[in-house]
């Protein structure tokens, strides 16, 4: 698991962490009422909006406090006071907005949440004299509580809230502040709803860029690579799509193909090009897409490898206004004179018929046969009962994507109906299966009834849904739905 947030402590942070291990102090009944009344009195006298609407008025905002973190992404706040009547400050300071203050981390720094859990290592907890070694646990619902897993044991304990500035989860952008997970707006303020517009300006209204949206309909006279458009430097929110057996190709300023060059079809995936990531997808049908967030740091040339007449290639992107004129001039220069057709003709053919290139010309290699052998038959009432009763989760889901890694297959699924769950499920979940040829194998865009197990790694850093080998994965149908509901009645109590 990638640890994106690490932290080393300042003296003040060490004191704050030390306070977390101290026994709670119990206040007498009603003791918490006075601070609330005091705050209400202050607001009434100074006004909710910060203007003087009574005998008091707000002081100017103070300077930003020291960052809560000396390493990683911390938070900083500023405050002000109400000056009441004779000019004396009244009440507690009013805290203002919270903003991010990223800090560089030295190599080997301990992640902040790990450090908070480690404070309880070797100390008796849970009302016994037993001691444990604790590591963060991310499977519990509230991300801003300090959930720690006892190493070597199958339980975790919650030690209250995490400290402000703790990342909500590994890899996430949100930070915990006062027990809530807040994401920063583009202005750097936590909880802000400020967002970048399509031009990349914080809080803008798309007034500094233009939307380019066109369809390339040129069918070409020969098979081969044909220029479609220039994607200029500074382009954002790029999208290209078409439906045919042709293939999109992308060339950088150095003249090298980023994908689908030299008559070879590249695999779907993410490619680095011109300072951005280009996501290349190819569906089971004759459909291809290119997407990139941008902005591009260099020009890119979009081409199409024609194998059949072009039905149309849609492309769009947002471009700064000052770059639109040069783009128009460069796009016109990509006319017929710069095209380099290959010496073979394109014959109109039905979509389902394979293209027949002329002898002696290079051709796209046929797809490799499926190396996975058929899965063994695993059906029947006994198999359903075994996995339903023994599984941690049973739900109906639609398969959205499949990613094959070294010795694992990861499915992204949309959960649609839950029959059994031992902890909350999100609308989008990952289901993992062992091996590059898992059994059962899930097909894209189909709905299944799945019985999966919860698998927590020994160090507590990964909490996965695992589809066991030859486990329960049936195509959903009303009949299968009835069988699953019936199986629930026969599980042992």
Protein backbone atom coordinates (compact mmCIF):
# COMPACT_ATOMS: atom_id res chain seq x y z
CA UNK A 1 0.00 0.00 0.00
CA UNK A 2 1.38 3.41 -0.91
CA UNK A 3 1.89 5.66 2.11
CA UNK A 4 1.30 9.13 0.78
CA UNK A 5 1.31 11.00 4.07
CA UNK A 6 4.17 10.90 6.56
CA UNK A 7 4.91 13.04 9.55
CA UNK A 8 7.57 13.81 12.12
CA UNK A 9 6.61 15.65 15.29
CA UNK A 10 7.45 19.03 16.74
CA UNK A 11 7.56 19.54 20.52
CA UNK A 12 4.03 20.90 20.57
CA UNK A 13 2.72 17.91 18.63
CA UNK A 14 4.44 15.52 21.04
CA UNK A 15 2.69 17.22 23.94
CA UNK A 16 -0.66 16.95 22.14
CA UNK A 17 -0.10 13.26 21.54
CA UNK A 18 0.91 12.74 25.15
CA UNK A 19 -2.38 14.29 26.26
CA UNK A 20 -4.28 11.58 24.31
CA UNK A 21 -2.96 8.87 26.64
CA UNK A 22 -3.90 10.73 29.83
CA UNK A 23 -7.04 9.57 31.72
CA UNK A 24 -10.16 11.59 30.97
CA UNK A 25 -11.11 14.40 33.33
CA UNK A 26 -14.76 14.28 34.38
CA UNK A 27 -16.47 17.66 34.74
CA UNK A 28 -19.37 18.32 37.12
CA UNK A 29 -22.88 18.37 35.62
CA UNK A 30 -23.59 21.59 33.74
CA UNK A 31 -19.95 22.62 33.51
CA UNK A 32 -20.04 22.56 29.71
CA UNK A 33 -23.00 24.95 29.59
CA UNK A 34 -21.05 28.11 30.53
CA UNK A 35 -18.67 28.10 27.50
CA UNK A 36 -21.65 27.71 25.16
CA UNK A 37 -23.48 30.65 26.75
CA UNK A 38 -20.29 32.70 26.60
CA UNK A 39 -19.91 31.98 22.89
CA UNK A 40 -23.53 32.92 22.22
CA UNK A 41 -23.12 36.20 24.16
CA UNK A 42 -19.98 37.03 22.19
CA UNK A 43 -21.68 36.43 18.84
CA UNK A 44 -24.68 38.56 19.80
CA UNK A 45 -22.48 41.44 20.86
CA UNK A 46 -20.04 41.30 17.92
CA UNK A 47 -22.40 40.11 15.21
CA UNK A 48 -22.37 36.90 13.21
CA UNK A 49 -20.98 38.57 10.12
CA UNK A 50 -18.01 40.23 11.82
CA UNK A 51 -19.42 43.76 11.86
CA UNK A 52 -20.08 45.79 14.97
CA UNK A 53 -23.79 45.22 15.77
CA UNK A 54 -23.72 45.79 19.52
CA UNK A 55 -21.42 47.04 22.23
CA UNK A 56 -18.55 44.97 20.85
CA UNK A 57 -16.66 44.49 17.60
CA UNK A 58 -14.25 41.96 16.12
CA UNK A 59 -10.52 42.53 15.95
CA UNK A 60 -8.77 41.91 12.59
CA UNK A 61 -7.85 38.32 11.83
CA UNK A 62 -4.55 37.29 13.35
CA UNK A 63 -1.70 35.66 11.50
CA UNK A 64 -1.85 32.00 10.50
CA UNK A 65 -0.83 29.62 13.26
CA UNK A 66 2.14 27.32 13.00
CA UNK A 67 1.44 24.32 10.77
CA UNK A 68 0.08 21.33 12.69
CA UNK A 69 2.61 19.17 10.87
CA UNK A 70 6.34 19.49 10.40
CA UNK A 71 6.14 16.87 7.66
CA UNK A 72 3.46 15.98 5.13
CA UNK A 73 0.20 17.92 4.77
CA UNK A 74 -0.77 19.80 7.91
CA UNK A 75 -3.36 22.45 8.76
CA UNK A 76 -3.09 26.03 9.96
CA UNK A 77 -5.75 28.31 11.44
CA UNK A 78 -6.11 31.96 12.41
CA UNK A 79 -8.33 33.61 15.01
CA UNK A 80 -9.74 36.94 16.22
CA UNK A 81 -11.28 38.30 19.41
CA UNK A 82 -14.31 40.35 20.29
CA UNK A 83 -13.46 43.76 21.85
CA UNK A 84 -16.35 44.58 24.17
CA UNK A 85 -17.39 47.82 25.85
CA UNK A 86 -14.27 49.41 27.39
CA UNK A 87 -11.89 47.95 24.83
CA UNK A 88 -11.08 44.80 26.80
CA UNK A 89 -11.05 41.46 24.93
CA UNK A 90 -14.04 39.33 25.78
CA UNK A 91 -14.51 35.60 25.48
CA UNK A 92 -12.43 32.94 23.76
CA UNK A 93 -10.86 33.60 20.35
CA UNK A 94 -13.06 32.83 17.36
CA UNK A 95 -11.37 30.39 14.99
CA UNK A 96 -11.45 31.24 11.33
CA UNK A 97 -10.85 29.19 8.17
CA UNK A 98 -8.39 26.30 8.04
CA UNK A 99 -5.94 25.94 5.19
CA UNK A 100 -3.37 23.41 4.07
CA UNK A 101 0.33 23.86 4.80
CA UNK A 102 2.28 21.10 3.04
CA UNK A 103 5.74 20.30 4.39
CA UNK A 104 8.53 18.18 2.94
CA UNK A 105 9.21 14.87 4.70
CA UNK A 106 12.63 13.37 5.39
CA UNK A 107 13.23 9.79 4.19
CA UNK A 108 11.90 7.16 6.57
CA UNK A 109 9.55 9.48 8.47
CA UNK A 110 6.79 7.64 10.36
CA UNK A 111 3.23 8.22 9.08
CA UNK A 112 1.18 10.35 11.46
CA UNK A 113 -1.63 7.84 12.13
CA UNK A 114 0.93 5.06 12.70
CA UNK A 115 2.61 7.27 15.28
CA UNK A 116 -0.65 7.90 17.12
CA UNK A 117 -1.43 4.16 17.30
CA UNK A 118 2.13 3.38 18.43
CA UNK A 119 1.64 5.55 21.53
CA UNK A 120 -0.46 2.75 23.01
CA UNK A 121 2.11 0.01 22.40
CA UNK A 122 2.91 -1.83 25.62
CA UNK A 123 0.20 -0.08 27.68
CA UNK A 124 -2.72 -2.05 29.17
CA UNK A 125 -6.04 -1.35 27.50
CA UNK A 126 -9.54 -2.82 27.42
CA UNK A 127 -9.66 -3.18 31.22
CA UNK A 128 -7.05 -5.94 31.40
CA UNK A 129 -3.32 -6.11 31.96
CA UNK A 130 -2.70 -7.44 28.47
CA UNK A 131 -0.63 -5.26 26.15
CA UNK A 132 -0.51 -5.17 22.38
CA UNK A 133 1.33 -3.61 19.46
CA UNK A 134 -1.00 -1.37 17.48
CA UNK A 135 -1.09 -0.39 13.80
CA UNK A 136 -3.71 1.70 11.94
CA UNK A 137 -6.90 0.01 10.82
CA UNK A 138 -8.82 1.55 7.92
CA UNK A 139 -11.87 -0.71 7.72
CA UNK A 140 -14.02 1.02 10.35
CA UNK A 141 -16.71 3.55 9.35
CA UNK A 142 -15.48 6.86 10.84
CA UNK A 143 -12.19 7.73 9.16
CA UNK A 144 -11.39 10.44 11.71
CA UNK A 145 -11.45 8.16 14.74
CA UNK A 146 -8.19 6.52 15.74
CA UNK A 147 -8.88 2.86 14.91
CA UNK A 148 -5.89 0.63 15.67
CA UNK A 149 -5.51 -3.08 14.93
CA UNK A 150 -3.78 -5.31 17.46
CA UNK A 151 -0.96 -6.98 15.54
CA UNK A 152 -1.36 -10.73 15.42
CA UNK A 153 -5.00 -10.54 16.55
CA UNK A 154 -8.31 -10.24 14.73
CA UNK A 155 -9.67 -7.18 16.51
CA UNK A 156 -9.18 -3.44 16.55
CA UNK A 157 -9.82 -0.75 19.16
CA UNK A 158 -10.88 2.89 18.85
CA UNK A 159 -8.85 5.38 20.89
CA UNK A 160 -10.97 8.46 20.26
CA UNK A 161 -10.36 11.04 17.56
CA UNK A 162 -7.19 11.41 15.54
CA UNK A 163 -5.27 14.67 15.82
CA UNK A 164 -6.12 17.50 13.44
CA UNK A 165 -4.20 17.23 10.19
CA UNK A 166 -4.28 13.42 10.07
CA UNK A 167 -5.05 12.12 6.55
CA UNK A 168 -8.51 10.56 6.41
CA UNK A 169 -7.15 7.47 4.64
CA UNK A 170 -4.02 6.47 2.69
CA UNK A 171 -3.91 8.17 -0.69
CA UNK A 172 -6.91 10.39 0.06
CA UNK A 173 -6.78 14.17 -0.24
CA UNK A 174 -8.95 14.88 2.80
CA UNK A 175 -7.63 15.72 6.27
CA UNK A 176 -9.34 15.25 9.63
CA UNK A 177 -10.20 18.46 11.50
CA UNK A 178 -12.27 18.33 14.71
CA UNK A 179 -13.35 14.78 13.92
CA UNK A 180 -14.54 15.52 10.37
CA UNK A 181 -12.91 14.63 7.06
CA UNK A 182 -12.52 17.82 5.05
CA UNK A 183 -11.23 18.24 1.53
CA UNK A 184 -9.49 21.38 0.44
CA UNK A 185 -10.80 23.60 -2.30
CA UNK A 186 -8.51 24.97 -4.96
CA UNK A 187 -7.95 27.99 -2.67
CA UNK A 188 -6.22 25.70 -0.14
CA UNK A 189 -8.94 26.13 2.51
CA UNK A 190 -10.32 22.96 4.08
CA UNK A 191 -14.06 22.64 3.65
CA UNK A 192 -14.06 25.21 0.85
CA UNK A 193 -16.21 24.54 -2.21
CA UNK A 194 -13.93 26.55 -4.49
CA UNK A 195 -13.18 24.53 -7.62
CA UNK A 196 -11.11 25.04 -10.72
CA UNK A 197 -13.01 25.83 -13.88
CA UNK A 198 -12.26 24.16 -17.20
CA UNK A 199 -9.50 26.72 -17.77
CA UNK A 200 -7.70 25.72 -14.57
CA UNK A 201 -8.54 28.94 -12.70
CA UNK A 202 -9.68 28.68 -9.09
CA UNK A 203 -13.26 29.92 -8.82
CA UNK A 204 -13.31 30.95 -12.47
CA UNK A 205 -16.26 30.80 -14.88
CA UNK A 206 -14.52 29.42 -18.00
CA UNK A 207 -14.02 32.96 -19.31
CA UNK A 208 -10.29 32.61 -20.02
CA UNK A 209 -10.48 29.59 -22.38
CA UNK A 210 -12.44 28.29 -25.36
CA UNK A 211 -14.10 24.93 -25.93
CA UNK A 212 -12.93 23.14 -29.10
CA UNK A 213 -15.33 20.41 -30.23
CA UNK A 214 -15.26 18.91 -33.71
CA UNK A 215 -15.77 15.72 -35.71
CA UNK A 216 -13.12 14.48 -38.16
CA UNK A 217 -15.07 12.84 -41.00
CA UNK A 218 -12.37 12.44 -43.64
CA UNK A 219 -12.49 8.83 -44.81
CA UNK A 220 -9.12 8.82 -46.57
CA UNK A 221 -8.18 7.06 -49.79
CA UNK A 222 -5.54 4.68 -48.44
CA UNK A 223 -5.00 2.53 -45.37
CA UNK A 224 -2.44 3.88 -42.95
CA UNK A 225 -1.86 6.78 -40.59
CA UNK A 226 -3.82 9.97 -41.21
CA UNK A 227 -3.60 13.23 -39.27
CA UNK A 228 -6.76 14.13 -37.35
CA UNK A 229 -5.88 17.22 -35.34
CA UNK A 230 -3.22 18.95 -33.33
CA UNK A 231 -3.79 18.91 -29.56
CA UNK A 232 -1.86 22.05 -28.63
CA UNK A 233 0.14 22.86 -25.54
CA UNK A 234 -2.11 23.98 -22.69
CA UNK A 235 -5.10 21.83 -23.67
CA UNK A 236 -7.27 20.53 -20.82
CA UNK A 237 -10.09 18.02 -20.44
CA UNK A 238 -9.22 16.19 -23.64
CA UNK A 239 -11.60 13.55 -24.98
CA UNK A 240 -11.42 11.60 -28.25
CA UNK A 241 -13.84 8.82 -29.26
CA UNK A 242 -14.87 6.82 -32.30
CA UNK A 243 -16.66 3.58 -33.17
CA UNK A 244 -14.89 1.58 -35.88
CA UNK A 245 -12.16 -0.99 -36.37
CA UNK A 246 -9.69 1.84 -36.96
CA UNK A 247 -7.27 2.77 -34.20
CA UNK A 248 -6.38 6.12 -32.65
CA UNK A 249 -2.69 7.01 -32.50
CA UNK A 250 -0.82 9.73 -30.64
CA UNK A 251 2.56 11.28 -31.50
CA UNK A 252 4.74 13.52 -29.33
CA UNK A 253 6.86 16.47 -30.44
CA UNK A 254 9.85 14.13 -30.83
CA UNK A 255 8.02 12.28 -33.61
CA UNK A 256 7.60 9.09 -31.61
CA UNK A 257 4.28 7.35 -31.14
CA UNK A 258 2.89 7.33 -27.62
CA UNK A 259 0.49 4.52 -28.54
CA UNK A 260 -0.59 2.46 -31.54
CA UNK A 261 2.52 3.22 -33.60
CA UNK A 262 4.34 1.11 -36.22
CA UNK A 263 1.17 -0.78 -37.13
CA UNK A 264 1.03 -2.38 -33.67
CA UNK A 265 -2.01 -2.01 -31.43
CA UNK A 266 -1.13 -0.95 -27.88
CA UNK A 267 -2.95 -2.44 -24.88
CA UNK A 268 -5.54 -0.30 -23.08
CA UNK A 269 -4.11 1.56 -20.11
CA UNK A 270 -2.61 4.84 -18.92
CA UNK A 271 0.23 6.47 -20.87
CA UNK A 272 2.42 9.44 -19.96
CA UNK A 273 2.51 12.10 -22.68
CA UNK A 274 3.20 15.85 -22.75
CA UNK A 275 3.11 16.21 -18.98
CA UNK A 276 -0.26 14.53 -18.49
CA UNK A 277 -1.72 11.04 -18.26
CA UNK A 278 -3.63 9.73 -21.25
CA UNK A 279 -6.17 7.00 -20.49
CA UNK A 280 -6.67 4.74 -23.50
CA UNK A 281 -9.70 2.43 -23.48
CA UNK A 282 -10.90 -0.07 -26.04
CA UNK A 283 -14.26 -1.68 -25.38
CA UNK A 284 -15.35 -5.15 -26.44
CA UNK A 285 -17.20 -3.57 -29.35
CA UNK A 286 -15.59 -1.35 -32.00
CA UNK A 287 -15.13 1.63 -29.70
CA UNK A 288 -12.00 3.49 -28.56
CA UNK A 289 -11.54 6.54 -26.34
CA UNK A 290 -8.67 8.76 -25.24
CA UNK A 291 -9.03 10.96 -22.16
CA UNK A 292 -6.58 13.29 -20.43
CA UNK A 293 -7.05 15.93 -17.75
CA UNK A 294 -4.14 18.09 -18.92
CA UNK A 295 -2.87 20.69 -19.20
CA UNK A 296 -0.49 19.43 -21.86
CA UNK A 297 3.05 20.78 -21.64
CA UNK A 298 3.77 20.17 -25.35
CA UNK A 299 1.89 19.72 -28.60
CA UNK A 300 0.48 16.29 -29.42
CA UNK A 301 -0.55 15.05 -32.85
CA UNK A 302 -3.67 12.89 -32.99
CA UNK A 303 -3.78 10.39 -35.86
CA UNK A 304 -5.96 7.52 -36.94
CA UNK A 305 -4.73 4.21 -38.34
CA UNK A 306 -7.27 3.57 -41.08
CA UNK A 307 -8.27 0.01 -41.88
CA UNK A 308 -11.82 0.79 -43.03
CA UNK A 309 -13.66 3.98 -44.01
CA UNK A 310 -13.79 6.48 -41.17
CA UNK A 311 -17.33 6.93 -39.74
CA UNK A 312 -16.23 9.99 -37.74
CA UNK A 313 -13.86 10.76 -34.89
CA UNK A 314 -15.16 13.10 -32.17
CA UNK A 315 -12.62 15.18 -30.29
CA UNK A 316 -12.86 18.01 -27.79
CA UNK A 317 -10.69 19.99 -25.39
CA UNK A 318 -10.50 23.35 -23.63
CA UNK A 319 -7.82 25.79 -24.75
CA UNK A 320 -6.59 29.16 -23.38
CA UNK A 321 -7.90 32.02 -25.51
CA UNK A 322 -4.43 33.26 -26.42
CA UNK A 323 -3.53 29.85 -27.87
CA UNK A 324 -6.59 29.48 -30.07
CA UNK A 325 -5.28 31.57 -33.00
CA UNK A 326 -1.95 29.67 -33.28
CA UNK A 327 -3.88 26.41 -32.97
CA UNK A 328 -6.08 27.33 -35.94
CA UNK A 329 -3.02 28.12 -38.08
CA UNK A 330 -1.23 24.91 -37.12
CA UNK A 331 -4.36 22.80 -37.65
CA UNK A 332 -4.72 24.13 -41.20
CA UNK A 333 -1.09 23.22 -41.85
CA UNK A 334 -1.96 19.59 -41.12
CA UNK A 335 -3.77 19.37 -44.45
CA UNK A 336 -3.45 16.80 -47.20
CA UNK A 337 0.10 17.85 -48.06
CA UNK A 338 1.42 16.52 -44.73
CA UNK A 339 -0.37 13.20 -44.85
CA UNK A 340 1.64 10.12 -45.65
CA UNK A 341 -0.73 7.40 -46.87
CA UNK A 342 0.45 3.83 -47.15
CA UNK A 343 0.31 2.15 -50.59
CA UNK A 344 -2.89 0.19 -50.24
CA UNK A 345 -6.52 1.08 -50.73
CA UNK A 346 -9.34 0.95 -48.22
CA UNK A 347 -12.27 -1.15 -49.31
CA UNK A 348 -15.71 -0.54 -47.82
CA UNK A 349 -16.59 -3.64 -45.78
CA UNK A 350 -19.33 -4.68 -43.37
CA UNK A 351 -18.46 -3.89 -39.74
CA UNK A 352 -18.48 -7.56 -38.77
CA UNK A 353 -16.22 -8.71 -41.59
CA UNK A 354 -12.45 -8.69 -41.00
CA UNK A 355 -10.39 -6.27 -43.08
CA UNK A 356 -8.49 -7.91 -45.95
CA UNK A 357 -5.20 -6.03 -46.49
CA UNK A 358 -3.34 -6.45 -49.75
CA UNK A 359 -0.51 -8.96 -49.94
CA UNK A 360 2.86 -7.75 -48.77
CA UNK A 361 1.50 -4.94 -46.58
CA UNK A 362 1.93 -4.82 -42.81
CA UNK A 363 -1.16 -5.73 -40.84
CA UNK A 364 -2.42 -5.47 -37.31
CA UNK A 365 -1.64 -8.75 -35.52
CA UNK A 366 -4.71 -10.81 -34.58
CA UNK A 367 -5.61 -10.90 -30.90
CA UNK A 368 -3.89 -13.64 -28.96
CA UNK A 369 -6.04 -16.59 -27.89
CA UNK A 370 -7.31 -16.61 -24.31
CA UNK A 371 -4.62 -18.43 -22.25
CA UNK A 372 -7.05 -19.21 -19.41
CA UNK A 373 -8.48 -22.72 -19.32
CA UNK A 374 -12.19 -23.22 -18.54
CA UNK A 375 -13.15 -23.10 -14.88
CA UNK A 376 -14.47 -26.24 -13.18
CA UNK A 377 -18.23 -26.50 -12.78
CA UNK A 378 -19.20 -25.25 -9.30
CA UNK A 379 -22.95 -25.20 -9.00
CA UNK A 380 -25.67 -26.72 -6.89
CA UNK A 381 -27.45 -26.13 -3.59
CA UNK A 382 -24.58 -27.38 -1.43
CA UNK A 383 -22.10 -25.00 -3.09
CA UNK A 384 -24.49 -22.06 -2.65
CA UNK A 385 -25.09 -22.82 1.04
CA UNK A 386 -21.37 -23.27 1.72
CA UNK A 387 -20.39 -19.87 0.36
CA UNK A 388 -23.48 -17.96 1.46
CA UNK A 389 -23.21 -19.12 5.08
CA UNK A 390 -19.41 -18.89 5.20
CA UNK A 391 -19.04 -15.61 3.36
CA UNK A 392 -18.79 -12.23 5.05
CA UNK A 393 -20.69 -10.41 2.30
CA UNK A 394 -23.32 -11.49 -0.21
CA UNK A 395 -24.53 -8.90 -2.69
CA UNK A 396 -25.66 -8.20 -6.22
CA UNK A 397 -23.24 -6.13 -8.27
CA UNK A 398 -22.46 -5.00 -11.79
CA UNK A 399 -18.87 -5.39 -13.05
CA UNK A 400 -17.49 -2.05 -14.26
CA UNK A 401 -13.84 -2.83 -14.96
CA UNK A 402 -11.19 -5.55 -14.66
CA UNK A 403 -7.48 -5.07 -14.00
CA UNK A 404 -5.00 -7.95 -14.16
CA UNK A 405 -1.90 -7.48 -12.02
CA UNK A 406 1.03 -9.78 -11.24
CA UNK A 407 -0.82 -12.62 -9.55
CA UNK A 408 -4.15 -10.94 -8.89
CA UNK A 409 -7.25 -9.78 -10.71
CA UNK A 410 -9.12 -6.72 -9.45
CA UNK A 411 -12.76 -6.08 -10.36
CA UNK A 412 -14.44 -2.74 -9.80
CA UNK A 413 -18.12 -3.37 -9.11
CA UNK A 414 -21.20 -1.27 -8.39
CA UNK A 415 -23.12 -2.73 -5.45
CA UNK A 416 -26.83 -2.79 -6.22
CA UNK A 417 -28.44 -5.00 -3.56
CA UNK A 418 -27.01 -6.36 -0.29
CA UNK A 419 -28.20 -9.69 1.13
CA UNK A 420 -25.60 -10.11 3.88
CA UNK A 421 -22.85 -7.86 5.22
CA UNK A 422 -20.78 -7.75 8.41
CA UNK A 423 -19.70 -4.14 7.93
CA UNK A 424 -20.86 -1.29 5.65
CA UNK A 425 -20.41 -1.57 1.89
CA UNK A 426 -19.89 1.40 -0.40
CA UNK A 427 -21.68 1.92 -3.70
CA UNK A 428 -18.39 1.24 -5.55
CA UNK A 429 -16.15 -1.55 -4.24
CA UNK A 430 -13.14 -3.55 -5.42
CA UNK A 431 -13.38 -7.34 -5.42
CA UNK A 432 -10.08 -9.22 -5.65
CA UNK A 433 -9.45 -12.71 -7.00
CA UNK A 434 -6.20 -14.66 -6.94
CA UNK A 435 -4.37 -15.37 -10.18
CA UNK A 436 -4.49 -13.91 -13.68
CA UNK A 437 -7.04 -16.58 -14.61
CA UNK A 438 -9.44 -16.52 -11.64
CA UNK A 439 -12.27 -18.98 -11.24
CA UNK A 440 -15.03 -18.00 -11.46
CA UNK A 441 -14.26 -15.28 -13.99
CA UNK A 442 -16.47 -12.20 -14.09
CA UNK A 443 -17.39 -10.64 -17.42
CA UNK A 444 -17.51 -6.87 -17.88
CA UNK A 445 -20.88 -5.09 -17.70
CA UNK A 446 -22.71 -8.16 -16.36
CA UNK A 447 -24.55 -8.46 -13.06
CA UNK A 448 -23.67 -11.18 -10.57
CA UNK A 449 -24.61 -12.49 -7.17
CA UNK A 450 -21.34 -12.66 -5.24
CA UNK A 451 -20.36 -14.23 -1.93
CA UNK A 452 -17.00 -12.81 -0.81
CA UNK A 453 -14.80 -12.86 2.26
CA UNK A 454 -13.16 -10.01 4.13
CA UNK A 455 -9.37 -10.24 4.15
CA UNK A 456 -7.31 -7.94 6.39
CA UNK A 457 -3.55 -7.95 5.87
CA UNK A 458 -1.43 -8.80 8.95
CA UNK A 459 -0.18 -5.22 9.26
CA UNK A 460 -3.70 -3.82 9.05
CA UNK A 461 -3.01 -1.64 6.04
CA UNK A 462 -5.24 -3.47 3.57
CA UNK A 463 -8.88 -4.43 3.98
CA UNK A 464 -10.07 -6.34 0.91
CA UNK A 465 -13.09 -8.19 -0.43
CA UNK A 466 -11.82 -11.54 -1.70
CA UNK A 467 -13.65 -13.81 -4.14
CA UNK A 468 -12.42 -17.33 -3.23
CA UNK A 469 -11.20 -19.73 -5.90
CA UNK A 470 -14.18 -21.65 -7.33
CA UNK A 471 -16.33 -19.46 -5.10
CA UNK A 472 -19.87 -18.25 -5.52
CA UNK A 473 -20.45 -15.91 -8.49
CA UNK A 474 -23.67 -16.51 -10.39
CA UNK A 475 -25.19 -14.38 -13.12
CA UNK A 476 -28.09 -12.56 -11.53
CA UNK A 477 -31.59 -13.65 -12.40
CA UNK A 478 -34.93 -13.60 -10.53
CA UNK A 479 -34.61 -17.37 -10.00
CA UNK A 480 -31.10 -17.03 -8.53
CA UNK A 481 -32.35 -14.21 -6.30
CA UNK A 482 -35.01 -16.56 -4.87
CA UNK A 483 -32.44 -19.31 -4.28
CA UNK A 484 -30.15 -16.93 -2.38
CA UNK A 485 -32.96 -15.73 -0.12
CA UNK A 486 -33.87 -19.34 0.60
CA UNK A 487 -30.25 -20.18 1.42
CA UNK A 488 -30.21 -17.48 4.10
CA UNK A 489 -32.80 -19.45 6.10
CA UNK A 490 -30.65 -22.59 6.27
CA UNK A 491 -27.41 -21.11 7.65
CA UNK A 492 -26.58 -22.25 11.18
CA UNK A 493 -27.31 -19.68 13.85
